[in-house]
Amino acid sequence: MSRSTRATAKDVARASGVSQTTVSFVLNDAAGHVSQETRERVQQAARALGYVPNGSAQALRKGASRIVLLNVEGIPTGSSLGGYIHGLDAELASHNHVLLVLHGHLSSQALSDVAQAVSARAVIDLSNAGHADALATDTHTSLDAFSAQADVPVRHLVDRGHRHIATVLPDTPELQALAGLRERLIRQAAHTAGLDGCPTLVLPSSLGPAEERLRSFRAEHPEVTAVVAYNDDLALVTLAAMRRIGLRAPADLAVIGFDDTPHGALFSPALTTVHIDAEAIGRIAARKALGLPAADTTPEPARVIVRESG
């Protein structure tokens, strides 16, 4: 089979018809609960694809310890991530495992070194989706779950007559994995709704530069009547910048955030936002990391918390 890129654990899972967690157990010699037939199917698929695990994958030391690592570098913990961590921690604790949360600036190799040092059972790296396959964890599943409800605010705005919607993304490199995925799904939802285009406004967190970016964006895209921000913090920066240049929400520009953080309700105008069942997503991530079935845990559908801004 000719491939332009190196095969990943996700490719092996797809080819053998199993989960990435099962692939991780088999290829890291921790597959005691996996049938011999499944083990051989995974190994055959890995050989056929030419899969070679990198150093990070080797950090999963046969599931020797009861420690699961979660790397959240740069991701605001006051948002849905807080609920995600709570659910992940609670579910792991119910199976006698411990969650270790890392907030530092870690390279892939440094994360691998930490995993090796504690003989981690699994690693979930939300800050660097580019290494998710190598780490053979639930990273992609978690990112997908956080972003999959991106159509909810789009439908809300379309139902209120908006035909030109934009996304607002942070200029922080650490957030690009989740922000980029959410942007793509918002664009898909806009396309499905029959909207023409969905431009992106990249805003810094500082109010002065954000004001200038917003002013330039309005000049380039005067047709836009609503924006969906990456999270509540960025939505509030948008509202503050709007006030500085004399725009009102929602009369001039409707604004919706993500995460339903408490301070969104305290702003004026109060922020319309999207609530996500992050705790359930965390519980699912824990069960997948441990190779346990997660079908009995289903997150509640995302919903718009309607306030004044949108």
C-alpha atoms as a PDB file:
ATOM      1  CA  MET A   1       0.000   0.000   0.000  1.00  0.00           C
ATOM      2  CA  SER A   2       1.500   3.327  -1.061  1.00  0.00           C
ATOM      3  CA  ARG A   3       1.170   6.104   1.514  1.00  0.00           C
ATOM      4  CA  SER A   4       2.249   9.729   1.377  1.00  0.00           C
ATOM      5  CA  THR A   5       2.339   9.972   5.179  1.00  0.00           C
ATOM      6  CA  ARG A   6       3.336   7.688   8.024  1.00  0.00           C
ATOM      7  CA  ALA A   7       0.628   5.301   9.183  1.00  0.00           C
ATOM      8  CA  THR A   8      -0.933   6.107  12.546  1.00  0.00           C
ATOM      9  CA  ALA A   9      -2.640   4.103  15.262  1.00  0.00           C
ATOM     10  CA  LYS A  10      -5.935   5.518  13.973  1.00  0.00           C
ATOM     11  CA  ASP A  11      -5.218   3.951  10.570  1.00  0.00           C
ATOM     12  CA  VAL A  12      -4.495   0.610  12.228  1.00  0.00           C
ATOM     13  CA  ALA A  13      -7.737   0.832  14.229  1.00  0.00           C
ATOM     14  CA  ARG A  14      -9.754   1.603  11.100  1.00  0.00           C
ATOM     15  CA  ALA A  15      -8.136  -1.224   9.102  1.00  0.00           C
ATOM     16  CA  SER A  16      -8.639  -3.811  11.844  1.00  0.00           C
ATOM     17  CA  GLY A  17     -12.114  -2.661  12.900  1.00  0.00           C
ATOM     18  CA  VAL A  18     -11.274  -1.961  16.550  1.00  0.00           C
ATOM     19  CA  SER A  19     -10.861   1.092  18.778  1.00  0.00           C
ATOM     20  CA  GLN A  20      -7.608   3.026  19.101  1.00  0.00           C
ATOM     21  CA  THR A  21      -7.478   1.961  22.743  1.00  0.00           C
ATOM     22  CA  THR A  22      -7.458  -1.704  21.681  1.00  0.00           C
ATOM     23  CA  VAL A  23      -4.703  -0.956  19.166  1.00  0.00           C
ATOM     24  CA  SER A  24      -2.728   0.701  21.962  1.00  0.00           C
ATOM     25  CA  PHE A  25      -3.114  -2.331  24.229  1.00  0.00           C
ATOM     26  CA  VAL A  26      -2.091  -4.782  21.505  1.00  0.00           C
ATOM     27  CA  LEU A  27       0.888  -2.855  20.151  1.00  0.00           C
ATOM     28  CA  ASN A  28       2.177  -2.011  23.625  1.00  0.00           C
ATOM     29  CA  ASP A  29       1.883  -5.605  24.865  1.00  0.00           C
ATOM     30  CA  ALA A  30      -0.867  -4.742  27.334  1.00  0.00           C
ATOM     31  CA  ALA A  31      -3.624  -6.758  25.653  1.00  0.00           C
ATOM     32  CA  GLY A  32      -4.348  -9.333  28.320  1.00  0.00           C
ATOM     33  CA  HIS A  33      -8.120  -8.859  27.971  1.00  0.00           C
ATOM     34  CA  VAL A  34      -8.065  -8.794  24.141  1.00  0.00           C
ATOM     35  CA  SER A  35      -8.884 -12.030  22.305  1.00  0.00           C
ATOM     36  CA  GLN A  36      -6.154 -13.771  20.343  1.00  0.00           C
ATOM     37  CA  GLU A  37      -8.130 -13.306  17.121  1.00  0.00           C
ATOM     38  CA  THR A  38      -8.396  -9.549  17.645  1.00  0.00           C
ATOM     39  CA  ARG A  39      -4.745  -9.338  18.662  1.00  0.00           C
ATOM     40  CA  GLU A  40      -3.649 -11.064  15.459  1.00  0.00           C
ATOM     41  CA  ARG A  41      -5.941  -8.878  13.333  1.00  0.00           C
ATOM     42  CA  VAL A  42      -4.450  -5.706  14.813  1.00  0.00           C
ATOM     43  CA  GLN A  43      -0.885  -6.950  14.406  1.00  0.00           C
ATOM     44  CA  GLN A  44      -1.550  -7.948  10.791  1.00  0.00           C
ATOM     45  CA  ALA A  45      -3.056  -4.531   9.992  1.00  0.00           C
ATOM     46  CA  ALA A  46      -0.066  -2.787  11.615  1.00  0.00           C
ATOM     47  CA  ARG A  47       2.357  -4.824   9.503  1.00  0.00           C
ATOM     48  CA  ALA A  48       0.386  -4.231   6.295  1.00  0.00           C
ATOM     49  CA  LEU A  49       0.288  -0.471   6.887  1.00  0.00           C
ATOM     50  CA  GLY A  50       3.913  -0.263   7.962  1.00  0.00           C
ATOM     51  CA  TYR A  51       2.916   1.274  11.286  1.00  0.00           C
ATOM     52  CA  VAL A  52       5.870   2.243  13.474  1.00  0.00           C
ATOM     53  CA  PRO A  53       5.069   3.779  16.903  1.00  0.00           C
ATOM     54  CA  ASN A  54       7.165   6.761  17.899  1.00  0.00           C
ATOM     55  CA  GLY A  55       8.704   7.528  21.259  1.00  0.00           C
ATOM     56  CA  SER A  56       5.482   8.967  22.674  1.00  0.00           C
ATOM     57  CA  ALA A  57       3.620   5.756  21.989  1.00  0.00           C
ATOM     58  CA  GLN A  58       6.255   3.848  23.891  1.00  0.00           C
ATOM     59  CA  ALA A  59       5.385   5.980  26.901  1.00  0.00           C
ATOM     60  CA  LEU A  60       2.310   3.831  27.458  1.00  0.00           C
ATOM     61  CA  ARG A  61       4.230   1.336  29.539  1.00  0.00           C
ATOM     62  CA  LYS A  62       1.965  -1.694  29.309  1.00  0.00           C
ATOM     63  CA  GLY A  63      -0.624   0.015  31.469  1.00  0.00           C
ATOM     64  CA  ALA A  64       1.645  -0.738  34.423  1.00  0.00           C
ATOM     65  CA  SER A  65       0.379   2.026  36.681  1.00  0.00           C
ATOM     66  CA  ARG A  66      -3.039   3.414  37.525  1.00  0.00           C
ATOM     67  CA  ILE A  67      -2.147   6.925  36.383  1.00  0.00           C
ATOM     68  CA  VAL A  68      -3.716   8.708  33.397  1.00  0.00           C
ATOM     69  CA  LEU A  69      -2.050  11.904  32.174  1.00  0.00           C
ATOM     70  CA  LEU A  70      -4.022  14.842  30.806  1.00  0.00           C
ATOM     71  CA  ASN A  71      -2.133  17.694  29.137  1.00  0.00           C
ATOM     72  CA  VAL A  72      -4.139  20.934  28.871  1.00  0.00           C
ATOM     73  CA  GLU A  73      -1.403  23.438  28.111  1.00  0.00           C
ATOM     74  CA  GLY A  74      -2.870  26.834  27.267  1.00  0.00           C
ATOM     75  CA  ILE A  75      -6.533  25.759  27.432  1.00  0.00           C
ATOM     76  CA  PRO A  76      -8.651  27.860  29.860  1.00  0.00           C
ATOM     77  CA  THR A  77      -9.699  25.607  32.747  1.00  0.00           C
ATOM     78  CA  GLY A  78     -12.544  27.927  33.747  1.00  0.00           C
ATOM     79  CA  SER A  79     -14.561  26.846  30.720  1.00  0.00           C
ATOM     80  CA  SER A  80     -16.072  23.504  29.758  1.00  0.00           C
ATOM     81  CA  LEU A  81     -12.663  21.989  30.365  1.00  0.00           C
ATOM     82  CA  GLY A  82     -13.329  22.251  34.099  1.00  0.00           C
ATOM     83  CA  GLY A  83     -16.371  20.004  33.755  1.00  0.00           C
ATOM     84  CA  TYR A  84     -14.422  17.679  31.460  1.00  0.00           C
ATOM     85  CA  ILE A  85     -11.645  17.284  34.035  1.00  0.00           C
ATOM     86  CA  HIS A  86     -14.201  16.690  36.803  1.00  0.00           C
ATOM     87  CA  GLY A  87     -15.922  13.943  34.819  1.00  0.00           C
ATOM     88  CA  LEU A  88     -12.636  12.374  33.747  1.00  0.00           C
ATOM     89  CA  ASP A  89     -11.295  12.386  37.297  1.00  0.00           C
ATOM     90  CA  ALA A  90     -14.498  11.001  38.840  1.00  0.00           C
ATOM     91  CA  GLU A  91     -14.780   8.162  36.333  1.00  0.00           C
ATOM     92  CA  LEU A  92     -11.115   7.218  36.687  1.00  0.00           C
ATOM     93  CA  ALA A  93     -11.456   7.256  40.483  1.00  0.00           C
ATOM     94  CA  SER A  94     -14.413   4.879  40.266  1.00  0.00           C
ATOM     95  CA  HIS A  95     -12.043   2.419  38.560  1.00  0.00           C
ATOM     96  CA  ASN A  96      -9.228   3.013  41.065  1.00  0.00           C
ATOM     97  CA  HIS A  97      -7.163   5.186  38.721  1.00  0.00           C
ATOM     98  CA  VAL A  98      -5.613   8.599  39.350  1.00  0.00           C
ATOM     99  CA  LEU A  99      -5.693  11.613  37.018  1.00  0.00           C
ATOM    100  CA  LEU A 100      -2.567  13.743  36.703  1.00  0.00           C
ATOM    101  CA  VAL A 101      -3.218  17.085  34.956  1.00  0.00           C
ATOM    102  CA  LEU A 102      -0.292  18.847  33.282  1.00  0.00           C
ATOM    103  CA  HIS A 103      -0.442  22.586  32.542  1.00  0.00           C
ATOM    104  CA  GLY A 104       3.166  23.252  31.510  1.00  0.00           C
ATOM    105  CA  HIS A 105       4.703  23.927  28.111  1.00  0.00           C
ATOM    106  CA  LEU A 106       5.695  20.386  27.161  1.00  0.00           C
ATOM    107  CA  SER A 107       7.152  19.142  23.914  1.00  0.00           C
ATOM    108  CA  SER A 108       6.099  15.745  22.611  1.00  0.00           C
ATOM    109  CA  GLN A 109       9.332  14.271  23.934  1.00  0.00           C
ATOM    110  CA  ALA A 110       8.901  15.900  27.342  1.00  0.00           C
ATOM    111  CA  LEU A 111       5.381  14.524  27.590  1.00  0.00           C
ATOM    112  CA  SER A 112       6.727  11.106  26.627  1.00  0.00           C
ATOM    113  CA  ASP A 113       9.373  11.390  29.360  1.00  0.00           C
ATOM    114  CA  VAL A 114       6.727  12.200  31.986  1.00  0.00           C
ATOM    115  CA  ALA A 115       4.591   9.285  30.822  1.00  0.00           C
ATOM    116  CA  GLN A 116       7.563   6.950  31.077  1.00  0.00           C
ATOM    117  CA  ALA A 117       8.511   8.255  34.513  1.00  0.00           C
ATOM    118  CA  VAL A 118       5.091   7.451  35.980  1.00  0.00           C
ATOM    119  CA  SER A 119       4.408   4.392  33.779  1.00  0.00           C
ATOM    120  CA  ALA A 120       1.207   6.069  32.580  1.00  0.00           C
ATOM    121  CA  ARG A 121      -1.746   3.884  31.679  1.00  0.00           C
ATOM    122  CA  ALA A 122      -2.824   6.447  29.055  1.00  0.00           C
ATOM    123  CA  VAL A 123      -2.099   9.989  27.898  1.00  0.00           C
ATOM    124  CA  ILE A 124      -4.677  12.514  26.672  1.00  0.00           C
ATOM    125  CA  ASP A 125      -3.028  15.539  25.087  1.00  0.00           C
ATOM    126  CA  LEU A 126      -5.723  18.128  24.340  1.00  0.00           C
ATOM    127  CA  SER A 127      -3.166  20.832  23.590  1.00  0.00           C
ATOM    128  CA  ASN A 128      -1.468  19.031  20.715  1.00  0.00           C
ATOM    129  CA  ALA A 129      -3.775  17.018  18.487  1.00  0.00           C
ATOM    130  CA  GLY A 130      -0.926  16.463  16.060  1.00  0.00           C
ATOM    131  CA  HIS A 131       0.494  13.821  18.407  1.00  0.00           C
ATOM    132  CA  ALA A 132      -2.813  12.216  19.350  1.00  0.00           C
ATOM    133  CA  ASP A 133      -2.388   9.123  17.186  1.00  0.00           C
ATOM    134  CA  ALA A 134       1.161   8.598  18.350  1.00  0.00           C
ATOM    135  CA  LEU A 135       0.017   8.670  21.947  1.00  0.00           C
ATOM    136  CA  ALA A 136      -2.763   6.192  21.144  1.00  0.00           C
ATOM    137  CA  THR A 137      -5.275   7.907  23.408  1.00  0.00           C
ATOM    138  CA  ASP A 138      -8.756   9.426  23.351  1.00  0.00           C
ATOM    139  CA  THR A 139      -7.485  12.851  22.282  1.00  0.00           C
ATOM    140  CA  HIS A 140      -9.339  13.017  18.965  1.00  0.00           C
ATOM    141  CA  THR A 141     -12.562  11.699  20.509  1.00  0.00           C
ATOM    142  CA  SER A 142     -12.458  14.405  23.185  1.00  0.00           C
ATOM    143  CA  LEU A 143     -11.694  17.185  20.708  1.00  0.00           C
ATOM    144  CA  ASP A 144     -14.468  15.978  18.425  1.00  0.00           C
ATOM    145  CA  ALA A 145     -16.931  15.875  21.319  1.00  0.00           C
ATOM    146  CA  PHE A 146     -16.059  19.418  22.407  1.00  0.00           C
ATOM    147  CA  SER A 147     -16.529  20.734  18.887  1.00  0.00           C
ATOM    148  CA  ALA A 148     -19.291  18.562  17.434  1.00  0.00           C
ATOM    149  CA  GLN A 149     -22.061  20.850  18.685  1.00  0.00           C
ATOM    150  CA  ALA A 150     -20.823  23.753  16.562  1.00  0.00           C
ATOM    151  CA  ASP A 151     -24.000  23.566  14.492  1.00  0.00           C
ATOM    152  CA  VAL A 152     -26.146  24.504  17.517  1.00  0.00           C
ATOM    153  CA  PRO A 153     -25.318  28.249  17.568  1.00  0.00           C
ATOM    154  CA  VAL A 154     -25.459  28.398  13.766  1.00  0.00           C
ATOM    155  CA  ARG A 155     -29.004  27.018  13.744  1.00  0.00           C
ATOM    156  CA  HIS A 156     -29.945  29.454  16.525  1.00  0.00           C
ATOM    157  CA  LEU A 157     -28.743  32.425  14.479  1.00  0.00           C
ATOM    158  CA  VAL A 158     -30.286  31.215  11.225  1.00  0.00           C
ATOM    159  CA  ASP A 159     -33.634  30.768  12.982  1.00  0.00           C
ATOM    160  CA  ARG A 160     -33.396  34.436  13.951  1.00  0.00           C
ATOM    161  CA  GLY A 161     -32.895  35.541  10.365  1.00  0.00           C
ATOM    162  CA  HIS A 162     -29.108  35.869  10.133  1.00  0.00           C
ATOM    163  CA  ARG A 163     -27.692  34.975   6.705  1.00  0.00           C
ATOM    164  CA  HIS A 164     -24.101  36.158   7.101  1.00  0.00           C
ATOM    165  CA  ILE A 165     -22.262  34.638  10.054  1.00  0.00           C
ATOM    166  CA  ALA A 166     -18.571  34.762  10.992  1.00  0.00           C
ATOM    167  CA  THR A 167     -16.401  32.854  13.438  1.00  0.00           C
ATOM    168  CA  VAL A 168     -14.161  34.517  16.022  1.00  0.00           C
ATOM    169  CA  LEU A 169     -10.978  32.610  16.843  1.00  0.00           C
ATOM    170  CA  PRO A 170      -8.116  33.276  19.285  1.00  0.00           C
ATOM    171  CA  ASP A 171      -4.615  34.126  18.108  1.00  0.00           C
ATOM    172  CA  THR A 172      -3.148  31.812  20.770  1.00  0.00           C
ATOM    173  CA  PRO A 173      -1.129  28.936  19.217  1.00  0.00           C
ATOM    174  CA  GLU A 174      -1.921  26.589  22.131  1.00  0.00           C
ATOM    175  CA  LEU A 175      -5.621  26.696  21.272  1.00  0.00           C
ATOM    176  CA  GLN A 176      -5.326  26.014  17.558  1.00  0.00           C
ATOM    177  CA  ALA A 177      -6.250  22.300  17.729  1.00  0.00           C
ATOM    178  CA  LEU A 178      -9.691  22.795  19.283  1.00  0.00           C
ATOM    179  CA  ALA A 179     -10.296  26.233  17.767  1.00  0.00           C
ATOM    180  CA  GLY A 180      -9.450  25.027  14.273  1.00  0.00           C
ATOM    181  CA  LEU A 181     -11.736  22.017  14.576  1.00  0.00           C
ATOM    182  CA  ARG A 182     -14.588  24.153  15.875  1.00  0.00           C
ATOM    183  CA  GLU A 183     -14.065  26.633  13.029  1.00  0.00           C
ATOM    184  CA  ARG A 184     -14.306  23.875  10.417  1.00  0.00           C
ATOM    185  CA  LEU A 185     -17.499  22.508  11.930  1.00  0.00           C
ATOM    186  CA  ILE A 186     -19.077  25.964  12.147  1.00  0.00           C
ATOM    187  CA  ARG A 187     -18.254  26.446   8.466  1.00  0.00           C
ATOM    188  CA  GLN A 188     -19.820  23.079   7.653  1.00  0.00           C
ATOM    189  CA  ALA A 189     -22.947  24.000   9.607  1.00  0.00           C
ATOM    190  CA  ALA A 190     -23.160  27.331   7.780  1.00  0.00           C
ATOM    191  CA  HIS A 191     -22.812  25.572   4.442  1.00  0.00           C
ATOM    192  CA  THR A 192     -25.479  23.031   5.398  1.00  0.00           C
ATOM    193  CA  ALA A 193     -27.782  25.913   6.340  1.00  0.00           C
ATOM    194  CA  GLY A 194     -27.313  27.385   2.865  1.00  0.00           C
ATOM    195  CA  LEU A 195     -25.252  30.392   3.964  1.00  0.00           C
ATOM    196  CA  ASP A 196     -22.747  32.002   1.615  1.00  0.00           C
ATOM    197  CA  GLY A 197     -19.327  31.838   3.194  1.00  0.00           C
ATOM    198  CA  CYS A 198     -18.300  32.117   6.827  1.00  0.00           C
ATOM    199  CA  PRO A 199     -15.341  34.493   7.281  1.00  0.00           C
ATOM    200  CA  THR A 200     -13.026  34.251  10.278  1.00  0.00           C
ATOM    201  CA  LEU A 201     -12.040  37.052  12.630  1.00  0.00           C
ATOM    202  CA  VAL A 202      -8.892  36.313  14.638  1.00  0.00           C
ATOM    203  CA  LEU A 203      -8.846  38.388  17.828  1.00  0.00           C
ATOM    204  CA  PRO A 204      -6.125  38.870  20.437  1.00  0.00           C
ATOM    205  CA  SER A 205      -7.143  38.924  24.090  1.00  0.00           C
ATOM    206  CA  SER A 206      -5.950  42.529  24.572  1.00  0.00           C
ATOM    207  CA  LEU A 207      -8.733  45.044  24.068  1.00  0.00           C
ATOM    208  CA  GLY A 208      -6.777  47.664  22.115  1.00  0.00           C
ATOM    209  CA  PRO A 209      -5.520  45.332  19.358  1.00  0.00           C
ATOM    210  CA  ALA A 210      -8.885  43.533  19.357  1.00  0.00           C
ATOM    211  CA  GLU A 211     -10.648  46.843  18.698  1.00  0.00           C
ATOM    212  CA  GLU A 212      -8.448  47.514  15.668  1.00  0.00           C
ATOM    213  CA  ARG A 213      -8.945  43.990  14.312  1.00  0.00           C
ATOM    214  CA  LEU A 214     -12.697  44.262  14.681  1.00  0.00           C
ATOM    215  CA  ARG A 215     -12.765  47.668  13.022  1.00  0.00           C
ATOM    216  CA  SER A 216     -10.839  46.307  10.027  1.00  0.00           C
ATOM    217  CA  PHE A 217     -13.025  43.211   9.857  1.00  0.00           C
ATOM    218  CA  ARG A 218     -16.212  45.286   9.782  1.00  0.00           C
ATOM    219  CA  ALA A 219     -14.818  47.341   6.910  1.00  0.00           C
ATOM    220  CA  GLU A 220     -13.994  44.165   4.961  1.00  0.00           C
ATOM    221  CA  HIS A 221     -17.214  42.298   5.811  1.00  0.00           C
ATOM    222  CA  PRO A 222     -20.048  44.798   6.382  1.00  0.00           C
ATOM    223  CA  GLU A 223     -22.559  42.070   5.480  1.00  0.00           C
ATOM    224  CA  VAL A 224     -21.837  40.018   8.631  1.00  0.00           C
ATOM    225  CA  THR A 225     -24.623  40.372  11.219  1.00  0.00           C
ATOM    226  CA  ALA A 226     -23.607  37.694  13.749  1.00  0.00           C
ATOM    227  CA  VAL A 227     -20.499  35.953  15.079  1.00  0.00           C
ATOM    228  CA  VAL A 228     -19.894  32.670  16.858  1.00  0.00           C
ATOM    229  CA  ALA A 229     -16.851  32.944  19.131  1.00  0.00           C
ATOM    230  CA  TYR A 230     -14.502  30.095  20.053  1.00  0.00           C
ATOM    231  CA  ASN A 231     -15.405  30.490  23.732  1.00  0.00           C
ATOM    232  CA  ASP A 232     -17.064  32.866  26.171  1.00  0.00           C
ATOM    233  CA  ASP A 233     -13.825  34.712  26.960  1.00  0.00           C
ATOM    234  CA  LEU A 234     -13.327  35.612  23.306  1.00  0.00           C
ATOM    235  CA  ALA A 235     -17.001  36.499  22.935  1.00  0.00           C
ATOM    236  CA  LEU A 236     -16.639  38.986  25.809  1.00  0.00           C
ATOM    237  CA  VAL A 237     -13.547  40.496  24.160  1.00  0.00           C
ATOM    238  CA  THR A 238     -15.678  40.884  21.033  1.00  0.00           C
ATOM    239  CA  LEU A 239     -18.443  42.646  22.954  1.00  0.00           C
ATOM    240  CA  ALA A 240     -15.961  44.958  24.673  1.00  0.00           C
ATOM    241  CA  ALA A 241     -14.313  45.828  21.363  1.00  0.00           C
ATOM    242  CA  MET A 242     -17.739  46.465  19.823  1.00  0.00           C
ATOM    243  CA  ARG A 243     -18.545  48.942  22.564  1.00  0.00           C
ATOM    244  CA  ARG A 244     -15.279  50.793  21.884  1.00  0.00           C
ATOM    245  CA  ILE A 245     -16.194  51.332  18.215  1.00  0.00           C
ATOM    246  CA  GLY A 246     -19.851  52.136  18.814  1.00  0.00           C
ATOM    247  CA  LEU A 247     -21.499  48.830  17.847  1.00  0.00           C
ATOM    248  CA  ARG A 248     -24.412  47.343  19.770  1.00  0.00           C
ATOM    249  CA  ALA A 249     -25.271  43.693  20.333  1.00  0.00           C
ATOM    250  CA  PRO A 250     -27.410  42.249  18.938  1.00  0.00           C
ATOM    251  CA  ALA A 251     -28.714  45.205  16.897  1.00  0.00           C
ATOM    252  CA  ASP A 252     -25.471  45.724  14.940  1.00  0.00           C
ATOM    253  CA  LEU A 253     -23.798  42.372  15.556  1.00  0.00           C
ATOM    254  CA  ALA A 254     -25.160  39.362  17.425  1.00  0.00           C
ATOM    255  CA  VAL A 255     -22.556  37.512  19.514  1.00  0.00           C
ATOM    256  CA  ILE A 256     -22.624  33.914  20.804  1.00  0.00           C
ATOM    257  CA  GLY A 257     -19.929  32.217  22.890  1.00  0.00           C
ATOM    258  CA  PHE A 258     -19.198  28.646  23.953  1.00  0.00           C
ATOM    259  CA  ASP A 259     -18.904  27.039  27.409  1.00  0.00           C
ATOM    260  CA  ASP A 260     -21.598  28.794  29.486  1.00  0.00           C
ATOM    261  CA  THR A 261     -19.089  30.303  31.913  1.00  0.00           C
ATOM    262  CA  PRO A 262     -20.585  32.176  34.916  1.00  0.00           C
ATOM    263  CA  HIS A 263     -19.086  35.570  34.082  1.00  0.00           C
ATOM    264  CA  GLY A 264     -20.884  35.664  30.723  1.00  0.00           C
ATOM    265  CA  ALA A 265     -24.162  36.353  32.508  1.00  0.00           C
ATOM    266  CA  LEU A 266     -22.624  39.302  34.371  1.00  0.00           C
ATOM    267  CA  PHE A 267     -21.638  41.291  31.292  1.00  0.00           C
ATOM    268  CA  SER A 268     -23.850  43.955  29.734  1.00  0.00           C
ATOM    269  CA  PRO A 269     -25.335  42.892  27.410  1.00  0.00           C
ATOM    270  CA  ALA A 270     -25.454  39.440  28.992  1.00  0.00           C
ATOM    271  CA  LEU A 271     -23.741  36.885  26.784  1.00  0.00           C
ATOM    272  CA  THR A 272     -25.676  34.289  24.795  1.00  0.00           C
ATOM    273  CA  THR A 273     -23.674  31.070  24.942  1.00  0.00           C
ATOM    274  CA  VAL A 274     -23.647  27.336  24.224  1.00  0.00           C
ATOM    275  CA  HIS A 275     -23.793  24.877  27.110  1.00  0.00           C
ATOM    276  CA  ILE A 276     -21.931  21.575  26.593  1.00  0.00           C
ATOM    277  CA  ASP A 277     -22.217  18.483  28.798  1.00  0.00           C
ATOM    278  CA  ALA A 278     -18.467  18.448  29.351  1.00  0.00           C
ATOM    279  CA  GLU A 279     -18.593  16.220  32.437  1.00  0.00           C
ATOM    280  CA  ALA A 280     -20.132  13.379  30.437  1.00  0.00           C
ATOM    281  CA  ILE A 281     -17.506  13.868  27.734  1.00  0.00           C
ATOM    282  CA  GLY A 282     -14.844  13.513  30.421  1.00  0.00           C
ATOM    283  CA  ARG A 283     -16.410  10.299  31.744  1.00  0.00           C
ATOM    284  CA  ILE A 284     -16.478   8.854  28.235  1.00  0.00           C
ATOM    285  CA  ALA A 285     -12.823   9.796  27.750  1.00  0.00           C
ATOM    286  CA  ALA A 286     -11.918   8.011  30.981  1.00  0.00           C
ATOM    287  CA  ARG A 287     -13.696   4.816  29.982  1.00  0.00           C
ATOM    288  CA  LYS A 288     -12.096   4.826  26.540  1.00  0.00           C
ATOM    289  CA  ALA A 289      -8.661   5.429  28.031  1.00  0.00           C
ATOM    290  CA  LEU A 290      -9.165   2.349  30.222  1.00  0.00           C
ATOM    291  CA  GLY A 291     -10.503   0.253  27.358  1.00  0.00           C
ATOM    292  CA  LEU A 292     -13.978   0.069  28.868  1.00  0.00           C
ATOM    293  CA  PRO A 293     -17.301   0.324  27.000  1.00  0.00           C
ATOM    294  CA  ALA A 294     -18.796   3.809  27.035  1.00  0.00           C
ATOM    295  CA  ALA A 295     -22.090   3.224  25.257  1.00  0.00           C
ATOM    296  CA  ASP A 296     -24.093   3.698  28.464  1.00  0.00           C
ATOM    297  CA  THR A 297     -22.743   7.245  28.917  1.00  0.00           C
ATOM    298  CA  THR A 298     -24.295   9.754  26.530  1.00  0.00           C
ATOM    299  CA  PRO A 299     -23.753  13.524  26.831  1.00  0.00           C
ATOM    300  CA  GLU A 300     -26.847  15.692  26.885  1.00  0.00           C
ATOM    301  CA  PRO A 301     -27.325  17.603  23.611  1.00  0.00           C
ATOM    302  CA  ALA A 302     -25.698  21.024  23.533  1.00  0.00           C
ATOM    303  CA  ARG A 303     -28.114  23.908  23.947  1.00  0.00           C
ATOM    304  CA  VAL A 304     -28.063  27.657  23.532  1.00  0.00           C
ATOM    305  CA  ILE A 305     -28.410  29.710  26.718  1.00  0.00           C
ATOM    306  CA  VAL A 306     -30.279  32.692  25.295  1.00  0.00           C
ATOM    307  CA  ARG A 307     -29.386  36.068  26.807  1.00  0.00           C
ATOM    308  CA  GLU A 308     -29.172  39.588  25.438  1.00  0.00           C
ATOM    309  CA  SER A 309     -26.184  39.476  23.063  1.00  0.00           C
ATOM    310  CA  GLY A 310     -27.555  37.013  20.528  1.00  0.00           C
END
